[in-house]
Amino acid sequence: MRTLAVLPVRSFSSAKQRLSGTLAAGARQSLVQAMFADVLGALRRARRLDAIAVVTDDISAEAIARRDGAVVVKDDRRSGQSEATLLGIEHAKQASFERVVLVPGDTPLLDPAELDELLDRAERDRLEVAIVPDRHGTGTNALVIAPPTQFAPTFGPGSFARHIGAARESGLSYREVEVPSLALDVDTDADLAALWSEIDAHRRSAQRTRGALSQLERSGALASVERARGQSDVQVSA
């Protein structure tokens, strides 16, 4: 089944505004670019993908995507995630792909083998929609859709329940599928602290993101994240 990965990427300079209390604009930009590069690298190593489409209006993201052999779908409207993925889905339709997998650019722990397993399972079980929840069980960190135009994504807060409801109401064959390496995305300080802990624990994962976090740590920019991580560790042990 010919499968296209769709990776929407907002402008690096304006991404992750919710981290502005922790990281300055330049630090956020470096982190977002590193996470995107790690996700793109993971997608390139996935065996079950035939191609990757990066939907973006960012010149740097476009350059990285083209360097890594991805197709660039221009997002001149600077859309939100849902609208951007629809542009990728339209490209998939025009290019005669049979299936898409929508993946966010802030899941740098993505394991290509786990993505292959997700795609194999969706095909084996003849799923029209596979919905991957985030670690909180409220957001959606990946969607597999076959055929591509079968289902319209609506990302954002509470998207997991929306996607489940929409698939059920449409009468589509669907399933929730947990993918550990796709569970953690980065929107808040707590997410960033959790990512830092995971990267510390798995020495070979997300090398570009590891480098960006190490640089931020050396500069002292992650002091508040260190405090958040410490508080999280105390809560877990309590």
C-alpha atoms as a PDB file:
ATOM      1  CA  MET A   1       0.000   0.000   0.000  1.00  0.00           C
ATOM      2  CA  ARG A   2       1.670   3.207  -1.197  1.00  0.00           C
ATOM      3  CA  THR A   3       2.004   5.393   1.870  1.00  0.00           C
ATOM      4  CA  LEU A   4       2.890   9.061   2.230  1.00  0.00           C
ATOM      5  CA  ALA A   5       3.992  10.587   5.530  1.00  0.00           C
ATOM      6  CA  VAL A   6       2.699  14.127   5.960  1.00  0.00           C
ATOM      7  CA  LEU A   7       4.728  16.317   8.302  1.00  0.00           C
ATOM      8  CA  PRO A   8       3.324  19.833   8.888  1.00  0.00           C
ATOM      9  CA  VAL A   9       5.817  22.408  10.158  1.00  0.00           C
ATOM     10  CA  ARG A  10       5.017  25.931  11.269  1.00  0.00           C
ATOM     11  CA  SER A  11       7.575  28.698  10.975  1.00  0.00           C
ATOM     12  CA  PHE A  12      10.493  27.920  13.291  1.00  0.00           C
ATOM     13  CA  SER A  13      10.614  31.533  14.444  1.00  0.00           C
ATOM     14  CA  SER A  14       7.032  31.587  15.724  1.00  0.00           C
ATOM     15  CA  ALA A  15       6.636  28.018  17.006  1.00  0.00           C
ATOM     16  CA  LYS A  16       6.079  26.884  20.605  1.00  0.00           C
ATOM     17  CA  GLN A  17       4.862  30.178  22.032  1.00  0.00           C
ATOM     18  CA  ARG A  18       3.684  28.320  25.146  1.00  0.00           C
ATOM     19  CA  LEU A  19       7.354  27.792  26.014  1.00  0.00           C
ATOM     20  CA  SER A  20       8.080  31.531  25.938  1.00  0.00           C
ATOM     21  CA  GLY A  21       8.144  31.688  29.727  1.00  0.00           C
ATOM     22  CA  THR A  22      11.013  29.183  29.724  1.00  0.00           C
ATOM     23  CA  LEU A  23      12.876  29.749  26.481  1.00  0.00           C
ATOM     24  CA  ALA A  24      13.713  32.882  24.514  1.00  0.00           C
ATOM     25  CA  ALA A  25      12.734  33.073  20.845  1.00  0.00           C
ATOM     26  CA  GLY A  26      16.136  31.960  19.555  1.00  0.00           C
ATOM     27  CA  ALA A  27      16.239  28.996  21.928  1.00  0.00           C
ATOM     28  CA  ARG A  28      12.745  27.906  20.889  1.00  0.00           C
ATOM     29  CA  GLN A  29      13.693  28.173  17.247  1.00  0.00           C
ATOM     30  CA  SER A  30      16.781  25.995  17.710  1.00  0.00           C
ATOM     31  CA  LEU A  31      14.807  23.394  19.640  1.00  0.00           C
ATOM     32  CA  VAL A  32      11.937  23.234  17.134  1.00  0.00           C
ATOM     33  CA  GLN A  33      14.334  22.913  14.212  1.00  0.00           C
ATOM     34  CA  ALA A  34      16.217  20.098  15.969  1.00  0.00           C
ATOM     35  CA  MET A  35      13.005  18.208  16.781  1.00  0.00           C
ATOM     36  CA  PHE A  36      11.809  18.550  13.190  1.00  0.00           C
ATOM     37  CA  ALA A  37      15.126  17.220  11.875  1.00  0.00           C
ATOM     38  CA  ASP A  38      14.931  14.209  14.209  1.00  0.00           C
ATOM     39  CA  VAL A  39      11.357  13.398  13.171  1.00  0.00           C
ATOM     40  CA  LEU A  40      12.259  13.738   9.500  1.00  0.00           C
ATOM     41  CA  GLY A  41      15.265  11.475  10.001  1.00  0.00           C
ATOM     42  CA  ALA A  42      13.091   8.843  11.680  1.00  0.00           C
ATOM     43  CA  LEU A  43      10.583   8.980   8.830  1.00  0.00           C
ATOM     44  CA  ARG A  44      13.365   8.490   6.306  1.00  0.00           C
ATOM     45  CA  ARG A  45      14.383   5.266   8.073  1.00  0.00           C
ATOM     46  CA  ALA A  46      10.872   3.807   8.138  1.00  0.00           C
ATOM     47  CA  ARG A  47      10.605   0.894   5.686  1.00  0.00           C
ATOM     48  CA  ARG A  48       6.864   1.129   5.085  1.00  0.00           C
ATOM     49  CA  LEU A  49       6.901   4.715   3.845  1.00  0.00           C
ATOM     50  CA  ASP A  50       7.158   5.426   0.142  1.00  0.00           C
ATOM     51  CA  ALA A  51       7.591   9.188   0.439  1.00  0.00           C
ATOM     52  CA  ILE A  52       7.490  12.133   2.833  1.00  0.00           C
ATOM     53  CA  ALA A  53       5.729  15.451   2.292  1.00  0.00           C
ATOM     54  CA  VAL A  54       6.656  18.423   4.469  1.00  0.00           C
ATOM     55  CA  VAL A  55       3.960  21.098   4.541  1.00  0.00           C
ATOM     56  CA  THR A  56       5.528  24.425   5.480  1.00  0.00           C
ATOM     57  CA  ASP A  57       6.034  28.087   4.768  1.00  0.00           C
ATOM     58  CA  ASP A  58       9.418  28.157   6.531  1.00  0.00           C
ATOM     59  CA  ILE A  59      12.478  28.560   4.308  1.00  0.00           C
ATOM     60  CA  SER A  60      14.774  26.665   6.688  1.00  0.00           C
ATOM     61  CA  ALA A  61      12.330  23.771   7.030  1.00  0.00           C
ATOM     62  CA  GLU A  62      11.987  23.662   3.251  1.00  0.00           C
ATOM     63  CA  ALA A  63      15.763  23.487   2.826  1.00  0.00           C
ATOM     64  CA  ILE A  64      16.101  20.665   5.371  1.00  0.00           C
ATOM     65  CA  ALA A  65      13.221  18.756   3.776  1.00  0.00           C
ATOM     66  CA  ARG A  66      14.638  19.015   0.254  1.00  0.00           C
ATOM     67  CA  ARG A  67      18.092  18.013   1.481  1.00  0.00           C
ATOM     68  CA  ASP A  68      16.602  14.864   2.997  1.00  0.00           C
ATOM     69  CA  GLY A  69      14.656  13.979  -0.138  1.00  0.00           C
ATOM     70  CA  ALA A  70      11.195  14.997   1.058  1.00  0.00           C
ATOM     71  CA  VAL A  71       8.593  16.681  -1.128  1.00  0.00           C
ATOM     72  CA  VAL A  72       7.740  20.221  -0.032  1.00  0.00           C
ATOM     73  CA  VAL A  73       4.111  21.303  -0.107  1.00  0.00           C
ATOM     74  CA  LYS A  74       3.985  25.074   0.183  1.00  0.00           C
ATOM     75  CA  ASP A  75       1.716  26.447   2.886  1.00  0.00           C
ATOM     76  CA  ASP A  76       1.375  30.016   1.711  1.00  0.00           C
ATOM     77  CA  ARG A  77      -1.596  30.565   4.032  1.00  0.00           C
ATOM     78  CA  ARG A  78       0.489  29.678   7.115  1.00  0.00           C
ATOM     79  CA  SER A  79      -2.243  27.317   8.202  1.00  0.00           C
ATOM     80  CA  GLY A  80      -2.755  25.623  11.524  1.00  0.00           C
ATOM     81  CA  GLN A  81      -1.931  21.945  11.887  1.00  0.00           C
ATOM     82  CA  SER A  82      -5.296  20.636  10.683  1.00  0.00           C
ATOM     83  CA  GLU A  83      -5.363  22.862   7.594  1.00  0.00           C
ATOM     84  CA  ALA A  84      -1.729  22.081   6.811  1.00  0.00           C
ATOM     85  CA  THR A  85      -2.339  18.342   6.941  1.00  0.00           C
ATOM     86  CA  LEU A  86      -5.256  18.786   4.550  1.00  0.00           C
ATOM     87  CA  LEU A  87      -2.809  20.308   2.075  1.00  0.00           C
ATOM     88  CA  GLY A  88      -0.653  17.203   2.487  1.00  0.00           C
ATOM     89  CA  ILE A  89      -3.671  14.949   2.044  1.00  0.00           C
ATOM     90  CA  GLU A  90      -4.601  16.765  -1.174  1.00  0.00           C
ATOM     91  CA  HIS A  91      -1.050  16.226  -2.437  1.00  0.00           C
ATOM     92  CA  ALA A  92      -1.369  12.520  -1.571  1.00  0.00           C
ATOM     93  CA  LYS A  93      -4.602  12.296  -3.541  1.00  0.00           C
ATOM     94  CA  GLN A  94      -3.109  14.001  -6.593  1.00  0.00           C
ATOM     95  CA  ALA A  95      -0.040  11.762  -6.437  1.00  0.00           C
ATOM     96  CA  SER A  96      -2.194   8.610  -6.149  1.00  0.00           C
ATOM     97  CA  PHE A  97      -1.034   7.510  -2.705  1.00  0.00           C
ATOM     98  CA  GLU A  98      -3.284   4.908  -1.127  1.00  0.00           C
ATOM     99  CA  ARG A  99      -2.653   5.959   2.456  1.00  0.00           C
ATOM    100  CA  VAL A 100      -1.272   8.798   4.571  1.00  0.00           C
ATOM    101  CA  VAL A 101       0.208   8.920   8.034  1.00  0.00           C
ATOM    102  CA  LEU A 102       0.097  12.334   9.676  1.00  0.00           C
ATOM    103  CA  VAL A 103       2.920  12.950  12.134  1.00  0.00           C
ATOM    104  CA  PRO A 104       3.736  16.139  14.103  1.00  0.00           C
ATOM    105  CA  GLY A 105       7.175  17.703  14.040  1.00  0.00           C
ATOM    106  CA  ASP A 106       7.589  17.788  17.825  1.00  0.00           C
ATOM    107  CA  THR A 107       7.835  14.036  18.508  1.00  0.00           C
ATOM    108  CA  PRO A 108      11.615  13.578  18.189  1.00  0.00           C
ATOM    109  CA  LEU A 109      11.630  10.214  19.993  1.00  0.00           C
ATOM    110  CA  LEU A 110       9.821   8.600  17.030  1.00  0.00           C
ATOM    111  CA  ASP A 111      11.091   5.054  16.433  1.00  0.00           C
ATOM    112  CA  PRO A 112      10.963   4.030  12.746  1.00  0.00           C
ATOM    113  CA  ALA A 113      10.336   0.395  13.718  1.00  0.00           C
ATOM    114  CA  GLU A 114       7.302   1.392  15.776  1.00  0.00           C
ATOM    115  CA  LEU A 115       5.972   3.452  12.887  1.00  0.00           C
ATOM    116  CA  ASP A 116       6.409   0.466  10.556  1.00  0.00           C
ATOM    117  CA  GLU A 117       4.558  -1.699  13.065  1.00  0.00           C
ATOM    118  CA  LEU A 118       1.703   0.834  13.203  1.00  0.00           C
ATOM    119  CA  LEU A 119       1.397   0.838   9.417  1.00  0.00           C
ATOM    120  CA  ASP A 120       1.602  -2.958   9.221  1.00  0.00           C
ATOM    121  CA  ARG A 121      -1.104  -3.318  11.853  1.00  0.00           C
ATOM    122  CA  ALA A 122      -3.401  -0.819  10.174  1.00  0.00           C
ATOM    123  CA  GLU A 123      -3.085  -2.647   6.865  1.00  0.00           C
ATOM    124  CA  ARG A 124      -3.426  -6.120   8.409  1.00  0.00           C
ATOM    125  CA  ASP A 125      -6.568  -5.105  10.327  1.00  0.00           C
ATOM    126  CA  ARG A 126      -7.952  -3.210   7.321  1.00  0.00           C
ATOM    127  CA  LEU A 127      -8.311  -0.025   9.296  1.00  0.00           C
ATOM    128  CA  GLU A 128      -9.500   3.063   7.504  1.00  0.00           C
ATOM    129  CA  VAL A 129      -8.365   5.230  10.420  1.00  0.00           C
ATOM    130  CA  ALA A 130      -5.782   4.500  13.122  1.00  0.00           C
ATOM    131  CA  ILE A 131      -5.617   7.095  15.901  1.00  0.00           C
ATOM    132  CA  VAL A 132      -2.498   7.450  18.056  1.00  0.00           C
ATOM    133  CA  PRO A 133      -3.074   9.288  21.359  1.00  0.00           C
ATOM    134  CA  ASP A 134      -0.579  11.499  23.150  1.00  0.00           C
ATOM    135  CA  ARG A 135       0.711  10.573  26.599  1.00  0.00           C
ATOM    136  CA  HIS A 136      -2.189  12.377  28.273  1.00  0.00           C
ATOM    137  CA  GLY A 137      -4.820  10.548  26.236  1.00  0.00           C
ATOM    138  CA  THR A 138      -6.420  13.808  25.113  1.00  0.00           C
ATOM    139  CA  GLY A 139      -4.450  14.841  22.029  1.00  0.00           C
ATOM    140  CA  THR A 140      -3.617  13.015  18.800  1.00  0.00           C
ATOM    141  CA  ASN A 141       0.013  12.461  17.850  1.00  0.00           C
ATOM    142  CA  ALA A 142      -0.535  10.518  14.619  1.00  0.00           C
ATOM    143  CA  LEU A 143      -3.298   9.521  12.245  1.00  0.00           C
ATOM    144  CA  VAL A 144      -3.224   6.802   9.614  1.00  0.00           C
ATOM    145  CA  ILE A 145      -5.905   7.311   6.951  1.00  0.00           C
ATOM    146  CA  ALA A 146      -6.695   4.990   4.027  1.00  0.00           C
ATOM    147  CA  PRO A 147      -7.589   6.172   1.493  1.00  0.00           C
ATOM    148  CA  PRO A 148      -6.169   9.636   2.243  1.00  0.00           C
ATOM    149  CA  THR A 149      -9.363  11.645   1.708  1.00  0.00           C
ATOM    150  CA  GLN A 150     -11.496   9.295   3.797  1.00  0.00           C
ATOM    151  CA  PHE A 151     -11.220  11.339   6.992  1.00  0.00           C
ATOM    152  CA  ALA A 152     -10.657  15.013   7.871  1.00  0.00           C
ATOM    153  CA  PRO A 153      -8.300  15.621  10.819  1.00  0.00           C
ATOM    154  CA  THR A 154      -9.121  18.171  13.507  1.00  0.00           C
ATOM    155  CA  PHE A 155      -6.065  18.574  15.686  1.00  0.00           C
ATOM    156  CA  GLY A 156      -5.787  20.716  18.800  1.00  0.00           C
ATOM    157  CA  PRO A 157      -6.920  20.315  22.426  1.00  0.00           C
ATOM    158  CA  GLY A 158      -9.269  17.367  22.857  1.00  0.00           C
ATOM    159  CA  SER A 159      -8.556  16.049  19.366  1.00  0.00           C
ATOM    160  CA  PHE A 160      -8.339  12.405  20.412  1.00  0.00           C
ATOM    161  CA  ALA A 161     -12.000  12.264  21.489  1.00  0.00           C
ATOM    162  CA  ARG A 162     -13.014  14.259  18.397  1.00  0.00           C
ATOM    163  CA  HIS A 163     -11.202  11.869  16.086  1.00  0.00           C
ATOM    164  CA  ILE A 164     -12.710   8.816  17.779  1.00  0.00           C
ATOM    165  CA  GLY A 165     -16.178  10.351  17.574  1.00  0.00           C
ATOM    166  CA  ALA A 166     -15.809  11.421  13.952  1.00  0.00           C
ATOM    167  CA  ALA A 167     -14.561   7.994  12.853  1.00  0.00           C
ATOM    168  CA  ARG A 168     -17.428   6.283  14.688  1.00  0.00           C
ATOM    169  CA  GLU A 169     -20.078   8.616  13.280  1.00  0.00           C
ATOM    170  CA  SER A 170     -18.717   8.170   9.758  1.00  0.00           C
ATOM    171  CA  GLY A 171     -19.001   4.395  10.031  1.00  0.00           C
ATOM    172  CA  LEU A 172     -15.285   3.930   9.319  1.00  0.00           C
ATOM    173  CA  SER A 173     -13.253   1.012  10.586  1.00  0.00           C
ATOM    174  CA  TYR A 174     -11.001   2.600  13.188  1.00  0.00           C
ATOM    175  CA  ARG A 175      -8.906   1.801  16.235  1.00  0.00           C
ATOM    176  CA  GLU A 176      -6.897   3.531  18.904  1.00  0.00           C
ATOM    177  CA  VAL A 177      -3.286   2.389  18.631  1.00  0.00           C
ATOM    178  CA  GLU A 178      -0.728   3.337  21.246  1.00  0.00           C
ATOM    179  CA  VAL A 179       2.761   3.998  19.904  1.00  0.00           C
ATOM    180  CA  PRO A 180       5.181   4.657  22.791  1.00  0.00           C
ATOM    181  CA  SER A 181       7.683   6.687  20.779  1.00  0.00           C
ATOM    182  CA  LEU A 182       4.881   8.953  19.509  1.00  0.00           C
ATOM    183  CA  ALA A 183       3.305   9.551  22.915  1.00  0.00           C
ATOM    184  CA  LEU A 184       5.449  12.548  23.897  1.00  0.00           C
ATOM    185  CA  ASP A 185       5.085  15.828  22.042  1.00  0.00           C
ATOM    186  CA  VAL A 186       6.248  19.203  23.337  1.00  0.00           C
ATOM    187  CA  ASP A 187       3.790  21.996  24.097  1.00  0.00           C
ATOM    188  CA  THR A 188       4.452  22.934  27.731  1.00  0.00           C
ATOM    189  CA  ASP A 189       7.323  23.239  30.186  1.00  0.00           C
ATOM    190  CA  ALA A 190       6.256  19.905  31.706  1.00  0.00           C
ATOM    191  CA  ASP A 191       6.422  18.273  28.269  1.00  0.00           C
ATOM    192  CA  LEU A 192       9.900  19.697  27.726  1.00  0.00           C
ATOM    193  CA  ALA A 193      11.027  18.401  31.109  1.00  0.00           C
ATOM    194  CA  ALA A 194       9.628  14.954  30.273  1.00  0.00           C
ATOM    195  CA  LEU A 195      11.392  14.974  26.905  1.00  0.00           C
ATOM    196  CA  TRP A 196      14.674  15.926  28.538  1.00  0.00           C
ATOM    197  CA  SER A 197      14.320  13.033  30.996  1.00  0.00           C
ATOM    198  CA  GLU A 198      13.536  10.565  28.209  1.00  0.00           C
ATOM    199  CA  ILE A 199      16.478  11.696  26.109  1.00  0.00           C
ATOM    200  CA  ASP A 200      18.760  11.383  29.134  1.00  0.00           C
ATOM    201  CA  ALA A 201      17.514   7.834  29.670  1.00  0.00           C
ATOM    202  CA  HIS A 202      17.938   6.732  26.025  1.00  0.00           C
ATOM    203  CA  ARG A 203      21.400   7.765  24.927  1.00  0.00           C
ATOM    204  CA  ARG A 204      20.999   6.992  21.226  1.00  0.00           C
ATOM    205  CA  SER A 205      17.662   8.696  20.578  1.00  0.00           C
ATOM    206  CA  ALA A 206      16.923  12.114  19.077  1.00  0.00           C
ATOM    207  CA  GLN A 207      20.518  13.189  18.607  1.00  0.00           C
ATOM    208  CA  ARG A 208      19.774  16.629  17.167  1.00  0.00           C
ATOM    209  CA  THR A 209      17.281  17.387  19.915  1.00  0.00           C
ATOM    210  CA  ARG A 210      19.784  16.125  22.471  1.00  0.00           C
ATOM    211  CA  GLY A 211      22.345  18.549  21.082  1.00  0.00           C
ATOM    212  CA  ALA A 212      19.910  21.464  21.187  1.00  0.00           C
ATOM    213  CA  LEU A 213      18.931  20.700  24.789  1.00  0.00           C
ATOM    214  CA  SER A 214      22.565  20.292  25.824  1.00  0.00           C
ATOM    215  CA  GLN A 215      23.384  23.683  24.343  1.00  0.00           C
ATOM    216  CA  LEU A 216      20.453  25.255  26.143  1.00  0.00           C
ATOM    217  CA  GLU A 217      21.547  23.613  29.370  1.00  0.00           C
ATOM    218  CA  ARG A 218      25.076  24.988  29.022  1.00  0.00           C
ATOM    219  CA  SER A 219      23.688  28.469  28.443  1.00  0.00           C
ATOM    220  CA  GLY A 220      21.520  28.250  31.551  1.00  0.00           C
ATOM    221  CA  ALA A 221      18.317  28.551  29.520  1.00  0.00           C
ATOM    222  CA  LEU A 222      16.907  25.337  30.920  1.00  0.00           C
ATOM    223  CA  ALA A 223      17.160  26.225  34.596  1.00  0.00           C
ATOM    224  CA  SER A 224      13.380  26.480  34.959  1.00  0.00           C
ATOM    225  CA  VAL A 225      12.955  23.191  33.096  1.00  0.00           C
ATOM    226  CA  GLU A 226      15.393  21.569  35.507  1.00  0.00           C
ATOM    227  CA  ARG A 227      13.222  22.775  38.369  1.00  0.00           C
ATOM    228  CA  ALA A 228      10.104  21.455  36.628  1.00  0.00           C
ATOM    229  CA  ARG A 229      11.793  18.106  36.071  1.00  0.00           C
ATOM    230  CA  GLY A 230      12.821  17.948  39.715  1.00  0.00           C
ATOM    231  CA  GLN A 231       9.287  18.680  40.840  1.00  0.00           C
ATOM    232  CA  SER A 232       7.983  16.008  38.453  1.00  0.00           C
ATOM    233  CA  ASP A 233      10.440  13.443  39.836  1.00  0.00           C
ATOM    234  CA  VAL A 234       9.355  14.261  43.389  1.00  0.00           C
ATOM    235  CA  GLN A 235       5.669  13.798  42.442  1.00  0.00           C
ATOM    236  CA  VAL A 236       6.397  10.464  40.769  1.00  0.00           C
ATOM    237  CA  SER A 237       8.332   9.138  43.783  1.00  0.00           C
ATOM    238  CA  ALA A 238       5.767  10.389  46.320  1.00  0.00           C
END
